PDB file of N, CA and C in Angstrom:
ATOM      1  N   MET A   1     -26.931 -65.392 -21.075  1.00  0.00           N
ATOM      2  CA  MET A   1     -26.031 -64.372 -21.565  1.00  0.00           C
ATOM      3  C   MET A   1     -26.319 -63.005 -20.946  1.00  0.00           C
ATOM      4  N   ALA A   2     -27.532 -62.703 -20.567  1.00  0.00           N
ATOM      5  CA  ALA A   2     -27.869 -61.374 -20.057  1.00  0.00           C
ATOM      6  C   ALA A   2     -27.029 -60.973 -18.851  1.00  0.00           C
ATOM      7  N   PRO A   3     -26.747 -61.862 -17.881  1.00  0.00           N
ATOM      8  CA  PRO A   3     -25.945 -61.437 -16.734  1.00  0.00           C
ATOM      9  C   PRO A   3     -24.511 -61.033 -17.104  1.00  0.00           C
ATOM     10  N   THR A   4     -23.958 -61.602 -18.165  1.00  0.00           N
ATOM     11  CA  THR A   4     -22.569 -61.296 -18.526  1.00  0.00           C
ATOM     12  C   THR A   4     -22.355 -59.825 -18.831  1.00  0.00           C
ATOM     13  N   PRO A   5     -23.130 -59.178 -19.721  1.00  0.00           N
ATOM     14  CA  PRO A   5     -22.911 -57.741 -19.952  1.00  0.00           C
ATOM     15  C   PRO A   5     -23.134 -56.902 -18.700  1.00  0.00           C
ATOM     16  N   ALA A   6     -24.079 -57.286 -17.860  1.00  0.00           N
ATOM     17  CA  ALA A   6     -24.337 -56.523 -16.634  1.00  0.00           C
ATOM     18  C   ALA A   6     -23.131 -56.571 -15.704  1.00  0.00           C
ATOM     19  N   VAL A   7     -22.516 -57.734 -15.564  1.00  0.00           N
ATOM     20  CA  VAL A   7     -21.339 -57.858 -14.711  1.00  0.00           C
ATOM     21  C   VAL A   7     -20.175 -57.064 -15.290  1.00  0.00           C
ATOM     22  N   LEU A   8     -20.002 -57.076 -16.590  1.00  0.00           N
ATOM     23  CA  LEU A   8     -18.908 -56.355 -17.222  1.00  0.00           C
ATOM     24  C   LEU A   8     -19.069 -54.845 -17.093  1.00  0.00           C
ATOM     25  N   ALA A   9     -20.279 -54.359 -16.864  1.00  0.00           N
ATOM     26  CA  ALA A   9     -20.531 -52.924 -16.736  1.00  0.00           C
ATOM     27  C   ALA A   9     -20.046 -52.381 -15.392  1.00  0.00           C
ATOM     28  N   TYR A  10     -19.885 -53.248 -14.398  1.00  0.00           N
ATOM     29  CA  TYR A  10     -19.379 -52.838 -13.081  1.00  0.00           C
ATOM     30  C   TYR A  10     -17.860 -52.967 -13.069  1.00  0.00           C
ATOM     31  N   GLN A  11     -17.171 -51.910 -12.658  1.00  0.00           N
ATOM     32  CA  GLN A  11     -15.718 -51.950 -12.541  1.00  0.00           C
ATOM     33  C   GLN A  11     -15.297 -51.295 -11.242  1.00  0.00           C
ATOM     34  N   GLN A  12     -14.417 -51.962 -10.487  1.00  0.00           N
ATOM     35  CA  GLN A  12     -13.852 -51.330  -9.299  1.00  0.00           C
ATOM     36  C   GLN A  12     -12.649 -50.513  -9.758  1.00  0.00           C
ATOM     37  N   VAL A  13     -12.740 -49.196  -9.624  1.00  0.00           N
ATOM     38  CA  VAL A  13     -11.704 -48.283 -10.084  1.00  0.00           C
ATOM     39  C   VAL A  13     -10.614 -48.139  -9.025  1.00  0.00           C
ATOM     40  N   ALA A  14     -11.013 -48.076  -7.777  1.00  0.00           N
ATOM     41  CA  ALA A  14     -10.104 -47.958  -6.640  1.00  0.00           C
ATOM     42  C   ALA A  14     -10.811 -48.588  -5.453  1.00  0.00           C
ATOM     43  N   PRO A  15     -10.110 -48.870  -4.370  1.00  0.00           N
ATOM     44  CA  PRO A  15     -10.786 -49.435  -3.212  1.00  0.00           C
ATOM     45  C   PRO A  15     -11.956 -48.551  -2.775  1.00  0.00           C
ATOM     46  N   GLY A  16     -13.142 -49.122  -2.764  1.00  0.00           N
ATOM     47  CA  GLY A  16     -14.338 -48.398  -2.367  1.00  0.00           C
ATOM     48  C   GLY A  16     -14.967 -47.550  -3.460  1.00  0.00           C
ATOM     49  N   VAL A  17     -14.388 -47.541  -4.671  1.00  0.00           N
ATOM     50  CA  VAL A  17     -14.942 -46.759  -5.782  1.00  0.00           C
ATOM     51  C   VAL A  17     -15.308 -47.713  -6.917  1.00  0.00           C
ATOM     52  N   THR A  18     -16.608 -47.963  -7.046  1.00  0.00           N
ATOM     53  CA  THR A  18     -17.111 -48.819  -8.108  1.00  0.00           C
ATOM     54  C   THR A  18     -17.906 -47.975  -9.083  1.00  0.00           C
ATOM     55  N   LEU A  19     -17.722 -48.242 -10.355  1.00  0.00           N
ATOM     56  CA  LEU A  19     -18.351 -47.465 -11.408  1.00  0.00           C
ATOM     57  C   LEU A  19     -19.252 -48.387 -12.219  1.00  0.00           C
ATOM     58  N   TYR A  20     -20.441 -47.927 -12.555  1.00  0.00           N
ATOM     59  CA  TYR A  20     -21.365 -48.678 -13.398  1.00  0.00           C
ATOM     60  C   TYR A  20     -21.658 -47.831 -14.622  1.00  0.00           C
ATOM     61  N   SER A  21     -21.443 -48.386 -15.803  1.00  0.00           N
ATOM     62  CA  SER A  21     -21.563 -47.608 -17.025  1.00  0.00           C
ATOM     63  C   SER A  21     -22.096 -48.448 -18.168  1.00  0.00           C
ATOM     64  N   GLY A  22     -22.740 -47.770 -19.135  1.00  0.00           N
ATOM     65  CA  GLY A  22     -23.162 -48.429 -20.360  1.00  0.00           C
ATOM     66  C   GLY A  22     -21.994 -48.667 -21.299  1.00  0.00           C
ATOM     67  N   TYR A  23     -20.950 -47.837 -21.201  1.00  0.00           N
ATOM     68  CA  TYR A  23     -19.743 -48.040 -22.003  1.00  0.00           C
ATOM     69  C   TYR A  23     -18.763 -48.895 -21.216  1.00  0.00           C
ATOM     70  N   PRO A  24     -18.026 -49.739 -21.872  1.00  0.00           N
ATOM     71  CA  PRO A  24     -16.941 -50.423 -21.151  1.00  0.00           C
ATOM     72  C   PRO A  24     -15.795 -49.437 -20.918  1.00  0.00           C
ATOM     73  N   LEU A  25     -15.053 -49.668 -19.867  1.00  0.00           N
ATOM     74  CA  LEU A  25     -13.882 -48.836 -19.611  1.00  0.00           C
ATOM     75  C   LEU A  25     -12.759 -49.311 -20.520  1.00  0.00           C
ATOM     76  N   ALA A  26     -12.165 -48.399 -21.236  1.00  0.00           N
ATOM     77  CA  ALA A  26     -11.080 -48.748 -22.132  1.00  0.00           C
ATOM     78  C   ALA A  26      -9.762 -48.816 -21.373  1.00  0.00           C
ATOM     79  N   GLU A  27      -9.650 -47.981 -20.319  1.00  0.00           N
ATOM     80  CA  GLU A  27      -8.396 -47.944 -19.567  1.00  0.00           C
ATOM     81  C   GLU A  27      -8.655 -47.370 -18.182  1.00  0.00           C
ATOM     82  N   ILE A  28      -7.980 -47.933 -17.197  1.00  0.00           N
ATOM     83  CA  ILE A  28      -8.027 -47.422 -15.828  1.00  0.00           C
ATOM     84  C   ILE A  28      -6.591 -47.213 -15.376  1.00  0.00           C
ATOM     85  N   LYS A  29      -6.268 -45.985 -14.975  1.00  0.00           N
ATOM     86  CA  LYS A  29      -4.949 -45.670 -14.403  1.00  0.00           C
ATOM     87  C   LYS A  29      -5.201 -44.941 -13.097  1.00  0.00           C
ATOM     88  N   GLY A  30      -5.053 -45.654 -11.995  1.00  0.00           N
ATOM     89  CA  GLY A  30      -5.376 -45.062 -10.698  1.00  0.00           C
ATOM     90  C   GLY A  30      -6.848 -44.724 -10.656  1.00  0.00           C
ATOM     91  N   THR A  31      -7.183 -43.452 -10.450  1.00  0.00           N
ATOM     92  CA  THR A  31      -8.582 -43.032 -10.445  1.00  0.00           C
ATOM     93  C   THR A  31      -8.944 -42.266 -11.719  1.00  0.00           C
ATOM     94  N   THR A  32      -8.147 -42.428 -12.766  1.00  0.00           N
ATOM     95  CA  THR A  32      -8.450 -41.844 -14.067  1.00  0.00           C
ATOM     96  C   THR A  32      -8.985 -42.951 -14.963  1.00  0.00           C
ATOM     97  N   VAL A  33     -10.158 -42.716 -15.544  1.00  0.00           N
ATOM     98  CA  VAL A  33     -10.775 -43.731 -16.405  1.00  0.00           C
ATOM     99  C   VAL A  33     -11.047 -43.153 -17.785  1.00  0.00           C
ATOM    100  N   THR A  34     -10.825 -43.983 -18.788  1.00  0.00           N
ATOM    101  CA  THR A  34     -11.134 -43.620 -20.161  1.00  0.00           C
ATOM    102  C   THR A  34     -12.197 -44.595 -20.651  1.00  0.00           C
ATOM    103  N   PHE A  35     -13.262 -44.033 -21.222  1.00  0.00           N
ATOM    104  CA  PHE A  35     -14.362 -44.847 -21.716  1.00  0.00           C
ATOM    105  C   PHE A  35     -14.173 -45.154 -23.191  1.00  0.00           C
ATOM    106  N   ALA A  36     -14.609 -46.333 -23.575  1.00  0.00           N
ATOM    107  CA  ALA A  36     -14.712 -46.670 -24.989  1.00  0.00           C
ATOM    108  C   ALA A  36     -15.926 -45.914 -25.526  1.00  0.00           C
ATOM    109  N   GLY A  37     -16.300 -46.165 -26.736  1.00  0.00           N
ATOM    110  CA  GLY A  37     -17.457 -45.490 -27.308  1.00  0.00           C
ATOM    111  C   GLY A  37     -17.025 -44.480 -28.349  1.00  0.00           C
ATOM    112  N   VAL A  38     -17.980 -43.766 -28.877  1.00  0.00           N
ATOM    113  CA  VAL A  38     -17.747 -42.819 -29.957  1.00  0.00           C
ATOM    114  C   VAL A  38     -17.928 -41.402 -29.438  1.00  0.00           C
ATOM    115  N   SER A  39     -16.966 -40.544 -29.723  1.00  0.00           N
ATOM    116  CA  SER A  39     -17.059 -39.149 -29.327  1.00  0.00           C
ATOM    117  C   SER A  39     -18.368 -38.547 -29.835  1.00  0.00           C
ATOM    118  N   GLY A  40     -19.015 -37.763 -28.999  1.00  0.00           N
ATOM    119  CA  GLY A  40     -20.292 -37.156 -29.375  1.00  0.00           C
ATOM    120  C   GLY A  40     -21.500 -37.968 -28.939  1.00  0.00           C
ATOM    121  N   THR A  41     -21.284 -39.190 -28.456  1.00  0.00           N
ATOM    122  CA  THR A  41     -22.370 -40.001 -27.906  1.00  0.00           C
ATOM    123  C   THR A  41     -22.173 -40.092 -26.394  1.00  0.00           C
ATOM    124  N   HIS A  42     -23.247 -40.335 -25.665  1.00  0.00           N
ATOM    125  CA  HIS A  42     -23.183 -40.331 -24.205  1.00  0.00           C
ATOM    126  C   HIS A  42     -23.905 -41.540 -23.627  1.00  0.00           C
ATOM    127  N   THR A  43     -23.513 -41.905 -22.417  1.00  0.00           N
ATOM    128  CA  THR A  43     -24.174 -42.974 -21.684  1.00  0.00           C
ATOM    129  C   THR A  43     -24.244 -42.585 -20.213  1.00  0.00           C
ATOM    130  N   PRO A  44     -25.285 -43.015 -19.519  1.00  0.00           N
ATOM    131  CA  PRO A  44     -25.356 -42.716 -18.091  1.00  0.00           C
ATOM    132  C   PRO A  44     -24.324 -43.532 -17.315  1.00  0.00           C
ATOM    133  N   VAL A  45     -23.744 -42.895 -16.300  1.00  0.00           N
ATOM    134  CA  VAL A  45     -22.762 -43.547 -15.440  1.00  0.00           C
ATOM    135  C   VAL A  45     -23.140 -43.269 -13.990  1.00  0.00           C
ATOM    136  N   VAL A  46     -22.984 -44.268 -13.153  1.00  0.00           N
ATOM    137  CA  VAL A  46     -23.224 -44.143 -11.717  1.00  0.00           C
ATOM    138  C   VAL A  46     -21.913 -44.474 -11.018  1.00  0.00           C
ATOM    139  N   VAL A  47     -21.488 -43.594 -10.114  1.00  0.00           N
ATOM    140  CA  VAL A  47     -20.212 -43.815  -9.427  1.00  0.00           C
ATOM    141  C   VAL A  47     -20.269 -43.214  -8.025  1.00  0.00           C
ATOM    142  N   GLY A  48     -19.610 -43.871  -7.105  1.00  0.00           N
ATOM    143  CA  GLY A  48     -19.566 -43.380  -5.731  1.00  0.00           C
ATOM    144  C   GLY A  48     -18.299 -42.586  -5.479  1.00  0.00           C
ATOM    145  N   VAL A  49     -18.290 -41.326  -5.844  1.00  0.00           N
ATOM    146  CA  VAL A  49     -17.149 -40.432  -5.615  1.00  0.00           C
ATOM    147  C   VAL A  49     -17.661 -39.097  -5.098  1.00  0.00           C
ATOM    148  N   SER A  50     -16.734 -38.267  -4.610  1.00  0.00           N
ATOM    149  CA  SER A  50     -17.139 -36.952  -4.138  1.00  0.00           C
ATOM    150  C   SER A  50     -16.970 -35.884  -5.205  1.00  0.00           C
ATOM    151  N   GLU A  51     -16.065 -36.128  -6.173  1.00  0.00           N
ATOM    152  CA  GLU A  51     -15.816 -35.147  -7.221  1.00  0.00           C
ATOM    153  C   GLU A  51     -15.424 -35.861  -8.507  1.00  0.00           C
ATOM    154  N   LEU A  52     -15.806 -35.255  -9.619  1.00  0.00           N
ATOM    155  CA  LEU A  52     -15.517 -35.804 -10.933  1.00  0.00           C
ATOM    156  C   LEU A  52     -15.014 -34.679 -11.825  1.00  0.00           C
ATOM    157  N   LEU A  53     -13.871 -34.887 -12.458  1.00  0.00           N
ATOM    158  CA  LEU A  53     -13.276 -33.882 -13.327  1.00  0.00           C
ATOM    159  C   LEU A  53     -13.067 -34.451 -14.715  1.00  0.00           C
ATOM    160  N   ASN A  54     -13.143 -33.587 -15.737  1.00  0.00           N
ATOM    161  CA  ASN A  54     -12.803 -34.048 -17.082  1.00  0.00           C
ATOM    162  C   ASN A  54     -11.287 -34.020 -17.226  1.00  0.00           C
ATOM    163  N   VAL A  55     -10.786 -34.408 -18.365  1.00  0.00           N
ATOM    164  CA  VAL A  55      -9.341 -34.517 -18.568  1.00  0.00           C
ATOM    165  C   VAL A  55      -8.637 -33.169 -18.430  1.00  0.00           C
ATOM    166  N   ALA A  56      -9.343 -32.076 -18.673  1.00  0.00           N
ATOM    167  CA  ALA A  56      -8.769 -30.737 -18.533  1.00  0.00           C
ATOM    168  C   ALA A  56      -8.770 -30.257 -17.079  1.00  0.00           C
ATOM    169  N   GLY A  57      -9.377 -31.044 -16.171  1.00  0.00           N
ATOM    170  CA  GLY A  57      -9.433 -30.669 -14.761  1.00  0.00           C
ATOM    171  C   GLY A  57     -10.649 -29.856 -14.376  1.00  0.00           C
ATOM    172  N   ASN A  58     -11.609 -29.732 -15.291  1.00  0.00           N
ATOM    173  CA  ASN A  58     -12.837 -28.983 -15.013  1.00  0.00           C
ATOM    174  C   ASN A  58     -13.904 -29.900 -14.427  1.00  0.00           C
ATOM    175  N   PRO A  59     -14.702 -29.395 -13.471  1.00  0.00           N
ATOM    176  CA  PRO A  59     -15.778 -30.215 -12.902  1.00  0.00           C
ATOM    177  C   PRO A  59     -16.781 -30.645 -13.975  1.00  0.00           C
ATOM    178  N   VAL A  60     -17.302 -31.839 -13.817  1.00  0.00           N
ATOM    179  CA  VAL A  60     -18.301 -32.402 -14.727  1.00  0.00           C
ATOM    180  C   VAL A  60     -19.670 -32.268 -14.078  1.00  0.00           C
ATOM    181  N   ASP A  61     -20.689 -31.928 -14.866  1.00  0.00           N
ATOM    182  CA  ASP A  61     -22.057 -31.837 -14.339  1.00  0.00           C
ATOM    183  C   ASP A  61     -22.501 -33.209 -13.849  1.00  0.00           C
ATOM    184  N   MET A  62     -22.949 -33.252 -12.584  1.00  0.00           N
ATOM    185  CA  MET A  62     -23.406 -34.491 -11.968  1.00  0.00           C
ATOM    186  C   MET A  62     -24.666 -34.204 -11.175  1.00  0.00           C
ATOM    187  N   GLU A  63     -25.336 -35.254 -10.786  1.00  0.00           N
ATOM    188  CA  GLU A  63     -26.465 -35.115  -9.881  1.00  0.00           C
ATOM    189  C   GLU A  63     -26.433 -36.262  -8.883  1.00  0.00           C
ATOM    190  N   ALA A  64     -26.962 -36.005  -7.708  1.00  0.00           N
ATOM    191  CA  ALA A  64     -27.018 -37.037  -6.680  1.00  0.00           C
ATOM    192  C   ALA A  64     -28.068 -38.065  -7.056  1.00  0.00           C
ATOM    193  N   CYS A  65     -27.699 -39.311  -6.900  1.00  0.00           N
ATOM    194  CA  CYS A  65     -28.604 -40.456  -7.123  1.00  0.00           C
ATOM    195  C   CYS A  65     -28.566 -41.291  -5.858  1.00  0.00           C
ATOM    196  N   GLY A  66     -29.231 -40.824  -4.841  1.00  0.00           N
ATOM    197  CA  GLY A  66     -29.152 -41.490  -3.545  1.00  0.00           C
ATOM    198  C   GLY A  66     -27.800 -41.195  -2.921  1.00  0.00           C
ATOM    199  N   THR A  67     -27.030 -42.239  -2.632  1.00  0.00           N
ATOM    200  CA  THR A  67     -25.718 -42.060  -2.001  1.00  0.00           C
ATOM    201  C   THR A  67     -24.578 -42.014  -3.010  1.00  0.00           C
ATOM    202  N   VAL A  68     -24.882 -42.056  -4.301  1.00  0.00           N
ATOM    203  CA  VAL A  68     -23.871 -42.020  -5.351  1.00  0.00           C
ATOM    204  C   VAL A  68     -24.136 -40.846  -6.283  1.00  0.00           C
ATOM    205  N   LEU A  69     -23.273 -40.667  -7.267  1.00  0.00           N
ATOM    206  CA  LEU A  69     -23.437 -39.595  -8.248  1.00  0.00           C
ATOM    207  C   LEU A  69     -23.692 -40.176  -9.630  1.00  0.00           C
ATOM    208  N   CYS A  70     -24.477 -39.459 -10.415  1.00  0.00           N
ATOM    209  CA  CYS A  70     -24.783 -39.867 -11.779  1.00  0.00           C
ATOM    210  C   CYS A  70     -24.333 -38.761 -12.732  1.00  0.00           C
ATOM    211  N   PHE A  71     -23.827 -39.167 -13.893  1.00  0.00           N
ATOM    212  CA  PHE A  71     -23.457 -38.205 -14.918  1.00  0.00           C
ATOM    213  C   PHE A  71     -23.537 -38.875 -16.281  1.00  0.00           C
ATOM    214  N   GLN A  72     -23.450 -38.066 -17.313  1.00  0.00           N
ATOM    215  CA  GLN A  72     -23.461 -38.559 -18.690  1.00  0.00           C
ATOM    216  C   GLN A  72     -22.021 -38.560 -19.207  1.00  0.00           C
ATOM    217  N   ALA A  73     -21.461 -39.743 -19.413  1.00  0.00           N
ATOM    218  CA  ALA A  73     -20.095 -39.851 -19.920  1.00  0.00           C
ATOM    219  C   ALA A  73     -20.118 -39.837 -21.442  1.00  0.00           C
ATOM    220  N   GLU A  74     -19.203 -39.077 -22.000  1.00  0.00           N
ATOM    221  CA  GLU A  74     -19.067 -39.055 -23.454  1.00  0.00           C
ATOM    222  C   GLU A  74     -18.150 -40.195 -23.881  1.00  0.00           C
ATOM    223  N   GLY A  75     -18.494 -40.829 -24.974  1.00  0.00           N
ATOM    224  CA  GLY A  75     -17.657 -41.891 -25.505  1.00  0.00           C
ATOM    225  C   GLY A  75     -16.280 -41.369 -25.869  1.00  0.00           C
ATOM    226  N   ASP A  76     -15.274 -42.206 -25.741  1.00  0.00           N
ATOM    227  CA  ASP A  76     -13.890 -41.879 -26.075  1.00  0.00           C
ATOM    228  C   ASP A  76     -13.396 -40.673 -25.268  1.00  0.00           C
ATOM    229  N   SER A  77     -13.810 -40.595 -23.975  1.00  0.00           N
ATOM    230  CA  SER A  77     -13.412 -39.482 -23.104  1.00  0.00           C
ATOM    231  C   SER A  77     -12.778 -40.011 -21.825  1.00  0.00           C
ATOM    232  N   THR A  78     -11.990 -39.135 -21.191  1.00  0.00           N
ATOM    233  CA  THR A  78     -11.290 -39.482 -19.958  1.00  0.00           C
ATOM    234  C   THR A  78     -11.784 -38.615 -18.816  1.00  0.00           C
ATOM    235  N   TYR A  79     -11.946 -39.226 -17.651  1.00  0.00           N
ATOM    236  CA  TYR A  79     -12.428 -38.532 -16.452  1.00  0.00           C
ATOM    237  C   TYR A  79     -11.548 -38.900 -15.269  1.00  0.00           C
ATOM    238  N   ARG A  80     -11.430 -37.968 -14.326  1.00  0.00           N
ATOM    239  CA  ARG A  80     -10.703 -38.209 -13.080  1.00  0.00           C
ATOM    240  C   ARG A  80     -11.700 -38.286 -11.932  1.00  0.00           C
ATOM    241  N   LEU A  81     -11.657 -39.376 -11.203  1.00  0.00           N
ATOM    242  CA  LEU A  81     -12.571 -39.585 -10.080  1.00  0.00           C
ATOM    243  C   LEU A  81     -11.842 -39.263  -8.792  1.00  0.00           C
ATOM    244  N   ARG A  82     -12.518 -38.549  -7.893  1.00  0.00           N
ATOM    245  CA  ARG A  82     -11.953 -38.240  -6.583  1.00  0.00           C
ATOM    246  C   ARG A  82     -12.858 -38.821  -5.518  1.00  0.00           C
ATOM    247  N   PRO A  83     -12.376 -39.864  -4.830  1.00  0.00           N
ATOM    248  CA  PRO A  83     -13.205 -40.510  -3.798  1.00  0.00           C
ATOM    249  C   PRO A  83     -13.584 -39.560  -2.677  1.00  0.00           C
TER     250      PRO A  83
END
């Protein structure tokens, strides 16, 4: 059973853009993703994009993790990924 949750945590959002998260994605529309979870809680996310914006269009705090970016996604929140 352990491999099943790990595989479900990886989602291809767009060609060449794969996201790894502790929360499952509730919805994907193009490069906009909405996470499941509870507002006010956070989980680490790793994604290969050049820019990340919140639903209001403001940049999200991120840090480089090798060749990808890492950030803390809030549960029940929407983000826009820019490859």
